[in-house]
Amino acid sequence: MSLIQEKLEFLHAEINRMGDMLDLDWCGKLLYTYYKHFNDIDSRSRAGSLLAFSGLLMEWENESRFPFCTSIQERNCHNFAEYLQEFLSYSTKIKKQCPNTYRVIVTSLRQLDERENFENIFSHIPSSLFNSARKTVFQDGAKNLEDDIYENAIKEAYENKDFK
């Protein structure tokens, strides 16, 4: 079993145990470069890594914990710039293949930016990356998401179906 598969199996077990994706050990047992799999040839790795990104964003959005690095020197945290860049690079494909997860991510990103202003949190990341997100994918976000969208996003990642 590959490391991404191990991490996603553990994530799935934690979601089942906890009932959601909040208060998970994102900077410990779940620390991994999930963004490297946003365009993976394996559909489960791709969908699961996107689900992990949505979980990281929800953790921040709910102010449970902050799983992203705020400086280039930090370790044992997730690199927000890499996640956002990879998400933007494959956003059209992600929107088609994992529409529920896409909506959760985009809505979370937009709401977090409105609340926090990314440049204030991540001063080490060029504003051009944030501006690119604002001009493209933020237009797809919703003010409020349906209650079942989170459950549907989890199903996208863990149901045995092929995303084409």
N, C-alpha and C. Protein backbone atom coordinates (compact mmCIF):
# COMPACT_ATOMS: atom_id res chain seq x y z
N MET A 1 0.85 -1.17 0.00
CA MET A 1 0.00 0.00 0.00
C MET A 1 0.90 1.24 0.00
N SER A 2 0.58 2.22 -0.86
CA SER A 2 1.38 3.44 -0.93
C SER A 2 1.08 4.34 0.27
N LEU A 3 1.94 5.32 0.48
CA LEU A 3 1.77 6.23 1.62
C LEU A 3 0.47 7.03 1.49
N ILE A 4 0.14 7.49 0.28
CA ILE A 4 -1.12 8.24 0.12
C ILE A 4 -2.30 7.35 0.47
N GLN A 5 -2.27 6.10 0.07
CA GLN A 5 -3.37 5.20 0.39
C GLN A 5 -3.46 4.96 1.90
N GLU A 6 -2.31 4.84 2.56
CA GLU A 6 -2.30 4.68 4.01
C GLU A 6 -2.91 5.89 4.70
N LYS A 7 -2.50 7.09 4.26
CA LYS A 7 -3.03 8.33 4.86
C LYS A 7 -4.53 8.44 4.64
N LEU A 8 -4.99 8.10 3.44
CA LEU A 8 -6.42 8.21 3.15
C LEU A 8 -7.23 7.15 3.89
N GLU A 9 -6.67 5.98 4.07
CA GLU A 9 -7.34 4.95 4.88
C GLU A 9 -7.48 5.43 6.33
N PHE A 10 -6.40 6.03 6.84
CA PHE A 10 -6.44 6.55 8.21
C PHE A 10 -7.44 7.70 8.31
N LEU A 11 -7.45 8.59 7.31
CA LEU A 11 -8.42 9.69 7.29
C LEU A 11 -9.85 9.14 7.30
N HIS A 12 -10.11 8.16 6.47
CA HIS A 12 -11.44 7.57 6.42
C HIS A 12 -11.84 6.97 7.77
N ALA A 13 -10.90 6.27 8.40
CA ALA A 13 -11.18 5.69 9.72
C ALA A 13 -11.46 6.78 10.75
N GLU A 14 -10.71 7.86 10.69
CA GLU A 14 -10.91 8.98 11.63
C GLU A 14 -12.25 9.67 11.39
N ILE A 15 -12.63 9.84 10.14
CA ILE A 15 -13.94 10.44 9.84
C ILE A 15 -15.05 9.56 10.41
N ASN A 16 -14.92 8.27 10.22
CA ASN A 16 -15.92 7.33 10.76
C ASN A 16 -15.95 7.37 12.28
N ARG A 17 -14.78 7.45 12.90
CA ARG A 17 -14.69 7.45 14.36
C ARG A 17 -15.23 8.75 14.95
N MET A 18 -14.87 9.88 14.34
CA MET A 18 -15.22 11.20 14.87
C MET A 18 -16.58 11.70 14.37
N GLY A 19 -17.02 11.21 13.23
CA GLY A 19 -18.29 11.66 12.67
C GLY A 19 -18.17 12.84 11.74
N ASP A 20 -17.00 13.46 11.67
CA ASP A 20 -16.74 14.55 10.74
C ASP A 20 -15.23 14.73 10.59
N MET A 21 -14.82 15.84 10.01
CA MET A 21 -13.40 16.07 9.76
C MET A 21 -12.79 17.13 10.67
N LEU A 22 -13.47 17.51 11.71
CA LEU A 22 -12.94 18.53 12.63
C LEU A 22 -12.14 17.88 13.74
N ASP A 23 -11.16 18.60 14.21
CA ASP A 23 -10.31 18.18 15.32
C ASP A 23 -9.53 16.90 15.03
N LEU A 24 -9.18 16.69 13.77
CA LEU A 24 -8.33 15.56 13.41
C LEU A 24 -6.87 15.97 13.56
N ASP A 25 -6.00 15.01 13.59
CA ASP A 25 -4.56 15.24 13.79
C ASP A 25 -3.88 15.61 12.46
N TRP A 26 -4.30 16.75 11.89
CA TRP A 26 -3.81 17.17 10.57
C TRP A 26 -2.32 17.46 10.55
N CYS A 27 -1.75 17.87 11.64
CA CYS A 27 -0.33 18.21 11.67
C CYS A 27 0.50 17.15 12.37
N GLY A 28 -0.07 15.97 12.49
CA GLY A 28 0.61 14.83 13.11
C GLY A 28 0.42 13.62 12.22
N LYS A 29 -0.46 12.72 12.63
CA LYS A 29 -0.66 11.48 11.89
C LYS A 29 -1.22 11.69 10.48
N LEU A 30 -1.89 12.81 10.24
CA LEU A 30 -2.44 13.09 8.91
C LEU A 30 -1.61 14.09 8.12
N LEU A 31 -0.42 14.43 8.61
CA LEU A 31 0.46 15.35 7.88
C LEU A 31 0.98 14.65 6.63
N TYR A 32 0.69 15.24 5.49
CA TYR A 32 1.08 14.66 4.21
C TYR A 32 0.87 15.72 3.14
N THR A 33 1.55 15.58 2.03
CA THR A 33 1.43 16.52 0.91
C THR A 33 0.30 16.07 -0.03
N TYR A 34 -0.92 16.17 0.44
CA TYR A 34 -2.08 15.71 -0.32
C TYR A 34 -2.19 16.42 -1.67
N TYR A 35 -1.78 17.68 -1.74
CA TYR A 35 -1.90 18.46 -2.97
C TYR A 35 -1.18 17.81 -4.15
N LYS A 36 -0.19 16.98 -3.89
CA LYS A 36 0.54 16.31 -4.97
C LYS A 36 -0.33 15.28 -5.68
N HIS A 37 -1.50 15.02 -5.15
CA HIS A 37 -2.39 14.01 -5.72
C HIS A 37 -3.68 14.61 -6.29
N PHE A 38 -3.75 15.93 -6.43
CA PHE A 38 -4.95 16.57 -6.97
C PHE A 38 -5.20 16.17 -8.43
N ASN A 39 -4.17 15.67 -9.12
CA ASN A 39 -4.33 15.22 -10.50
C ASN A 39 -3.83 13.78 -10.64
N ASP A 40 -3.90 13.02 -9.59
CA ASP A 40 -3.42 11.64 -9.57
C ASP A 40 -4.21 10.79 -10.57
N ILE A 41 -3.54 9.82 -11.17
CA ILE A 41 -4.25 8.92 -12.10
C ILE A 41 -5.23 8.00 -11.36
N ASP A 42 -4.96 7.76 -10.08
CA ASP A 42 -5.87 6.95 -9.28
C ASP A 42 -6.99 7.84 -8.75
N SER A 43 -8.22 7.53 -9.13
CA SER A 43 -9.35 8.39 -8.77
C SER A 43 -9.57 8.49 -7.27
N ARG A 44 -9.32 7.40 -6.53
CA ARG A 44 -9.51 7.45 -5.07
C ARG A 44 -8.46 8.34 -4.41
N SER A 45 -7.22 8.27 -4.89
CA SER A 45 -6.17 9.14 -4.34
C SER A 45 -6.48 10.60 -4.65
N ARG A 46 -6.96 10.84 -5.85
CA ARG A 46 -7.30 12.19 -6.27
C ARG A 46 -8.45 12.74 -5.42
N ALA A 47 -9.54 12.01 -5.35
CA ALA A 47 -10.71 12.47 -4.60
C ALA A 47 -10.42 12.54 -3.10
N GLY A 48 -9.69 11.58 -2.58
CA GLY A 48 -9.35 11.58 -1.16
C GLY A 48 -8.45 12.74 -0.78
N SER A 49 -7.50 13.07 -1.64
CA SER A 49 -6.61 14.20 -1.34
C SER A 49 -7.38 15.52 -1.37
N LEU A 50 -8.35 15.63 -2.25
CA LEU A 50 -9.20 16.83 -2.28
C LEU A 50 -10.07 16.91 -1.04
N LEU A 51 -10.56 15.76 -0.59
CA LEU A 51 -11.33 15.72 0.65
C LEU A 51 -10.46 16.17 1.82
N ALA A 52 -9.20 15.74 1.83
CA ALA A 52 -8.28 16.16 2.89
C ALA A 52 -8.11 17.68 2.87
N PHE A 53 -7.96 18.28 1.69
CA PHE A 53 -7.84 19.73 1.59
C PHE A 53 -9.08 20.40 2.14
N SER A 54 -10.25 19.86 1.82
CA SER A 54 -11.48 20.46 2.36
C SER A 54 -11.50 20.35 3.88
N GLY A 55 -11.00 19.24 4.42
CA GLY A 55 -10.93 19.08 5.87
C GLY A 55 -9.98 20.08 6.51
N LEU A 56 -8.85 20.33 5.88
CA LEU A 56 -7.90 21.33 6.39
C LEU A 56 -8.56 22.71 6.43
N LEU A 57 -9.27 23.04 5.36
CA LEU A 57 -9.95 24.34 5.30
C LEU A 57 -11.06 24.44 6.35
N MET A 58 -11.81 23.37 6.53
CA MET A 58 -12.89 23.38 7.53
C MET A 58 -12.32 23.54 8.93
N GLU A 59 -11.17 22.93 9.19
CA GLU A 59 -10.52 23.06 10.49
C GLU A 59 -10.21 24.53 10.78
N TRP A 60 -9.69 25.22 9.77
CA TRP A 60 -9.38 26.64 9.89
C TRP A 60 -10.66 27.46 9.99
N GLU A 61 -11.61 27.16 9.12
CA GLU A 61 -12.87 27.91 9.06
C GLU A 61 -13.61 27.86 10.40
N ASN A 62 -13.61 26.72 11.03
CA ASN A 62 -14.30 26.55 12.32
C ASN A 62 -13.46 26.99 13.51
N GLU A 63 -12.28 27.46 13.24
CA GLU A 63 -11.34 27.97 14.24
C GLU A 63 -11.00 26.91 15.28
N SER A 64 -11.05 25.64 14.85
CA SER A 64 -10.65 24.56 15.75
C SER A 64 -9.13 24.57 15.92
N ARG A 65 -8.47 24.57 14.79
CA ARG A 65 -7.00 24.62 14.74
C ARG A 65 -6.62 25.31 13.44
N PHE A 66 -5.34 25.64 13.32
CA PHE A 66 -4.84 26.24 12.09
C PHE A 66 -3.76 25.33 11.53
N PRO A 67 -4.09 24.52 10.51
CA PRO A 67 -3.16 23.49 10.03
C PRO A 67 -2.12 23.95 9.01
N PHE A 68 -2.16 25.23 8.62
CA PHE A 68 -1.26 25.71 7.57
C PHE A 68 -0.08 26.50 8.14
N CYS A 69 1.04 26.42 7.45
CA CYS A 69 2.23 27.16 7.86
C CYS A 69 2.04 28.64 7.54
N THR A 70 2.43 29.51 8.46
CA THR A 70 2.31 30.95 8.22
C THR A 70 3.66 31.59 7.89
N SER A 71 4.71 30.79 7.86
CA SER A 71 6.02 31.29 7.42
C SER A 71 6.76 30.15 6.73
N ILE A 72 7.81 30.51 6.02
CA ILE A 72 8.55 29.48 5.28
C ILE A 72 9.41 28.63 6.20
N GLN A 73 9.64 29.06 7.42
CA GLN A 73 10.47 28.31 8.35
C GLN A 73 9.70 27.23 9.11
N GLU A 74 8.40 27.31 9.13
CA GLU A 74 7.59 26.37 9.92
C GLU A 74 7.64 24.96 9.35
N ARG A 75 7.53 24.00 10.22
CA ARG A 75 7.48 22.59 9.85
C ARG A 75 6.26 21.97 10.54
N ASN A 76 5.96 20.75 10.19
CA ASN A 76 4.83 20.02 10.78
C ASN A 76 3.51 20.75 10.59
N CYS A 77 3.34 21.32 9.41
CA CYS A 77 2.09 21.96 9.03
C CYS A 77 1.99 21.89 7.50
N HIS A 78 0.87 22.29 6.98
CA HIS A 78 0.59 22.17 5.55
C HIS A 78 0.91 23.49 4.84
N ASN A 79 1.41 23.37 3.61
CA ASN A 79 1.82 24.52 2.81
C ASN A 79 0.63 25.03 1.99
N PHE A 80 0.02 26.10 2.46
CA PHE A 80 -1.18 26.63 1.84
C PHE A 80 -0.96 27.02 0.38
N ALA A 81 0.18 27.62 0.07
CA ALA A 81 0.46 28.06 -1.30
C ALA A 81 0.45 26.87 -2.26
N GLU A 82 1.05 25.77 -1.84
CA GLU A 82 1.08 24.58 -2.70
C GLU A 82 -0.33 24.02 -2.92
N TYR A 83 -1.11 23.97 -1.85
CA TYR A 83 -2.49 23.48 -1.99
C TYR A 83 -3.29 24.37 -2.94
N LEU A 84 -3.20 25.67 -2.74
CA LEU A 84 -3.98 26.59 -3.56
C LEU A 84 -3.52 26.56 -5.01
N GLN A 85 -2.21 26.54 -5.24
CA GLN A 85 -1.68 26.51 -6.61
C GLN A 85 -2.12 25.25 -7.34
N GLU A 86 -2.00 24.12 -6.70
CA GLU A 86 -2.40 22.86 -7.35
C GLU A 86 -3.92 22.83 -7.58
N PHE A 87 -4.67 23.33 -6.62
CA PHE A 87 -6.12 23.37 -6.79
C PHE A 87 -6.49 24.24 -7.99
N LEU A 88 -5.87 25.39 -8.11
CA LEU A 88 -6.15 26.28 -9.24
C LEU A 88 -5.72 25.63 -10.56
N SER A 89 -4.60 24.94 -10.55
CA SER A 89 -4.10 24.30 -11.77
C SER A 89 -5.07 23.28 -12.33
N TYR A 90 -5.77 22.58 -11.48
CA TYR A 90 -6.66 21.50 -11.91
C TYR A 90 -8.12 21.77 -11.62
N SER A 91 -8.46 23.03 -11.35
CA SER A 91 -9.82 23.36 -10.89
C SER A 91 -10.91 22.94 -11.87
N THR A 92 -10.69 23.09 -13.16
CA THR A 92 -11.71 22.72 -14.14
C THR A 92 -11.98 21.22 -14.08
N LYS A 93 -10.93 20.44 -14.01
CA LYS A 93 -11.05 18.98 -13.92
C LYS A 93 -11.68 18.57 -12.59
N ILE A 94 -11.25 19.22 -11.50
CA ILE A 94 -11.79 18.91 -10.18
C ILE A 94 -13.28 19.20 -10.12
N LYS A 95 -13.67 20.33 -10.68
CA LYS A 95 -15.08 20.73 -10.68
C LYS A 95 -15.95 19.68 -11.38
N LYS A 96 -15.42 19.11 -12.44
CA LYS A 96 -16.16 18.10 -13.19
C LYS A 96 -16.17 16.75 -12.47
N GLN A 97 -15.03 16.36 -11.91
CA GLN A 97 -14.88 15.02 -11.34
C GLN A 97 -15.39 14.91 -9.91
N CYS A 98 -15.24 15.96 -9.14
CA CYS A 98 -15.64 15.95 -7.72
C CYS A 98 -16.43 17.22 -7.42
N PRO A 99 -17.62 17.37 -7.98
CA PRO A 99 -18.34 18.64 -7.87
C PRO A 99 -18.69 19.05 -6.43
N ASN A 100 -19.02 18.10 -5.59
CA ASN A 100 -19.37 18.44 -4.20
C ASN A 100 -18.14 18.91 -3.43
N THR A 101 -17.05 18.19 -3.57
CA THR A 101 -15.81 18.57 -2.89
C THR A 101 -15.32 19.91 -3.41
N TYR A 102 -15.43 20.11 -4.71
CA TYR A 102 -15.04 21.38 -5.33
C TYR A 102 -15.82 22.54 -4.69
N ARG A 103 -17.13 22.39 -4.57
CA ARG A 103 -17.96 23.47 -4.00
C ARG A 103 -17.60 23.73 -2.54
N VAL A 104 -17.34 22.67 -1.78
CA VAL A 104 -16.94 22.85 -0.38
C VAL A 104 -15.64 23.62 -0.31
N ILE A 105 -14.65 23.24 -1.11
CA ILE A 105 -13.34 23.91 -1.10
C ILE A 105 -13.46 25.36 -1.52
N VAL A 106 -14.12 25.60 -2.63
CA VAL A 106 -14.23 26.98 -3.14
C VAL A 106 -14.99 27.87 -2.17
N THR A 107 -16.07 27.37 -1.61
CA THR A 107 -16.84 28.17 -0.66
C THR A 107 -16.02 28.45 0.59
N SER A 108 -15.32 27.46 1.09
CA SER A 108 -14.46 27.67 2.26
C SER A 108 -13.36 28.69 1.96
N LEU A 109 -12.72 28.54 0.82
CA LEU A 109 -11.65 29.49 0.45
C LEU A 109 -12.18 30.92 0.39
N ARG A 110 -13.30 31.09 -0.28
CA ARG A 110 -13.86 32.44 -0.42
C ARG A 110 -14.25 33.02 0.94
N GLN A 111 -14.91 32.23 1.76
CA GLN A 111 -15.34 32.72 3.08
C GLN A 111 -14.14 33.02 3.98
N LEU A 112 -13.12 32.19 3.92
CA LEU A 112 -11.91 32.43 4.72
C LEU A 112 -11.20 33.70 4.27
N ASP A 113 -11.13 33.90 2.97
CA ASP A 113 -10.48 35.12 2.46
C ASP A 113 -11.26 36.36 2.87
N GLU A 114 -12.59 36.29 2.80
CA GLU A 114 -13.41 37.43 3.21
C GLU A 114 -13.24 37.72 4.70
N ARG A 115 -13.13 36.69 5.50
CA ARG A 115 -13.01 36.84 6.95
C ARG A 115 -11.60 37.24 7.38
N GLU A 116 -10.60 36.63 6.78
CA GLU A 116 -9.22 36.78 7.25
C GLU A 116 -8.32 37.63 6.35
N ASN A 117 -8.63 37.69 5.08
CA ASN A 117 -7.76 38.27 4.04
C ASN A 117 -6.45 37.49 4.00
N PHE A 118 -6.31 36.65 2.99
CA PHE A 118 -5.16 35.76 2.89
C PHE A 118 -3.82 36.47 3.02
N GLU A 119 -3.69 37.67 2.47
CA GLU A 119 -2.41 38.39 2.55
C GLU A 119 -2.03 38.71 3.99
N ASN A 120 -3.02 38.88 4.86
CA ASN A 120 -2.72 39.15 6.27
C ASN A 120 -2.17 37.92 6.98
N ILE A 121 -2.63 36.76 6.59
CA ILE A 121 -2.21 35.51 7.23
C ILE A 121 -0.91 34.98 6.61
N PHE A 122 -0.84 35.05 5.30
CA PHE A 122 0.29 34.46 4.56
C PHE A 122 1.10 35.55 3.85
N SER A 123 1.76 36.37 4.60
CA SER A 123 2.51 37.48 4.01
C SER A 123 3.68 37.00 3.14
N HIS A 124 4.11 35.76 3.31
CA HIS A 124 5.22 35.21 2.53
C HIS A 124 4.78 34.67 1.16
N ILE A 125 3.48 34.63 0.91
CA ILE A 125 2.96 34.12 -0.36
C ILE A 125 2.60 35.31 -1.25
N PRO A 126 3.03 35.28 -2.51
CA PRO A 126 2.71 36.39 -3.42
C PRO A 126 1.20 36.60 -3.57
N SER A 127 0.78 37.85 -3.53
CA SER A 127 -0.64 38.20 -3.68
C SER A 127 -1.20 37.73 -5.01
N SER A 128 -0.35 37.58 -6.01
CA SER A 128 -0.82 37.16 -7.33
C SER A 128 -1.53 35.80 -7.27
N LEU A 129 -1.09 34.93 -6.39
CA LEU A 129 -1.75 33.62 -6.24
C LEU A 129 -3.17 33.81 -5.70
N PHE A 130 -3.32 34.64 -4.70
CA PHE A 130 -4.64 34.89 -4.12
C PHE A 130 -5.54 35.61 -5.12
N ASN A 131 -4.97 36.57 -5.84
CA ASN A 131 -5.76 37.30 -6.84
C ASN A 131 -6.24 36.37 -7.95
N SER A 132 -5.41 35.41 -8.32
CA SER A 132 -5.81 34.44 -9.33
C SER A 132 -7.02 33.64 -8.85
N ALA A 133 -6.99 33.22 -7.60
CA ALA A 133 -8.13 32.47 -7.04
C ALA A 133 -9.37 33.35 -7.00
N ARG A 134 -9.20 34.58 -6.60
CA ARG A 134 -10.35 35.49 -6.50
C ARG A 134 -10.99 35.73 -7.86
N LYS A 135 -10.19 35.79 -8.91
CA LYS A 135 -10.70 36.07 -10.25
C LYS A 135 -11.29 34.85 -10.94
N THR A 136 -10.94 33.67 -10.46
CA THR A 136 -11.40 32.47 -11.16
C THR A 136 -12.38 31.67 -10.30
N VAL A 137 -11.88 30.83 -9.43
CA VAL A 137 -12.74 29.87 -8.74
C VAL A 137 -13.66 30.47 -7.69
N PHE A 138 -13.31 31.62 -7.12
CA PHE A 138 -14.17 32.19 -6.08
C PHE A 138 -15.56 32.52 -6.61
N GLN A 139 -15.69 32.67 -7.91
CA GLN A 139 -16.99 32.98 -8.50
C GLN A 139 -17.94 31.78 -8.39
N ASP A 140 -17.38 30.60 -8.16
CA ASP A 140 -18.19 29.39 -8.07
C ASP A 140 -18.68 29.09 -6.66
N GLY A 141 -18.21 29.81 -5.68
CA GLY A 141 -18.57 29.55 -4.29
C GLY A 141 -20.00 29.94 -3.99
N ALA A 142 -20.57 29.30 -3.01
CA ALA A 142 -21.93 29.61 -2.58
C ALA A 142 -21.87 30.31 -1.23
N LYS A 143 -22.87 31.11 -0.93
CA LYS A 143 -22.94 31.74 0.39
C LYS A 143 -23.17 30.69 1.47
N ASN A 144 -24.10 29.80 1.20
CA ASN A 144 -24.41 28.71 2.13
C ASN A 144 -24.49 27.42 1.34
N LEU A 145 -23.96 26.38 1.92
CA LEU A 145 -23.99 25.07 1.28
C LEU A 145 -25.11 24.23 1.88
N GLU A 146 -25.65 23.34 1.06
CA GLU A 146 -26.68 22.44 1.55
C GLU A 146 -26.08 21.54 2.63
N ASP A 147 -26.90 21.12 3.57
CA ASP A 147 -26.42 20.27 4.66
C ASP A 147 -25.78 18.98 4.18
N ASP A 148 -26.30 18.41 3.10
CA ASP A 148 -25.79 17.11 2.65
C ASP A 148 -24.56 17.21 1.77
N ILE A 149 -24.09 18.40 1.46
CA ILE A 149 -22.94 18.51 0.55
C ILE A 149 -21.67 17.92 1.16
N TYR A 150 -21.50 18.04 2.47
CA TYR A 150 -20.32 17.49 3.12
C TYR A 150 -20.35 15.95 3.06
N GLU A 151 -21.50 15.39 3.31
CA GLU A 151 -21.66 13.94 3.21
C GLU A 151 -21.41 13.48 1.77
N ASN A 152 -21.91 14.25 0.81
CA ASN A 152 -21.71 13.90 -0.59
C ASN A 152 -20.24 14.02 -0.99
N ALA A 153 -19.53 14.98 -0.42
CA ALA A 153 -18.10 15.11 -0.69
C ALA A 153 -17.34 13.89 -0.16
N ILE A 154 -17.72 13.43 1.01
CA ILE A 154 -17.08 12.23 1.58
C ILE A 154 -17.38 11.02 0.70
N LYS A 155 -18.60 10.92 0.21
CA LYS A 155 -18.96 9.82 -0.68
C LYS A 155 -18.14 9.87 -1.97
N GLU A 156 -17.90 11.07 -2.50
CA GLU A 156 -17.08 11.18 -3.71
C GLU A 156 -15.70 10.57 -3.50
N ALA A 157 -15.17 10.75 -2.31
CA ALA A 157 -13.82 10.26 -2.02
C ALA A 157 -13.79 8.77 -1.72
N TYR A 158 -14.85 8.22 -1.13
CA TYR A 158 -14.77 6.86 -0.64
C TYR A 158 -15.69 5.86 -1.30
N GLU A 159 -16.58 6.32 -2.14
CA GLU A 159 -17.37 5.35 -2.90
C GLU A 159 -16.49 4.79 -4.00
N ASN A 160 -16.71 3.57 -4.33
CA ASN A 160 -15.90 2.93 -5.37
C ASN A 160 -16.50 3.25 -6.73
N LYS A 161 -16.13 4.41 -7.24
CA LYS A 161 -16.59 4.77 -8.57
C LYS A 161 -15.45 5.45 -9.31
N ASP A 162 -15.53 5.43 -10.60
CA ASP A 162 -14.47 5.99 -11.42
C ASP A 162 -14.85 7.41 -11.83
N PHE A 163 -13.96 8.35 -11.63
CA PHE A 163 -14.20 9.73 -12.04
C PHE A 163 -13.58 9.94 -13.40
N LYS A 164 -14.40 10.16 -14.42
CA LYS A 164 -13.87 10.41 -15.77
C LYS A 164 -14.40 11.70 -16.30
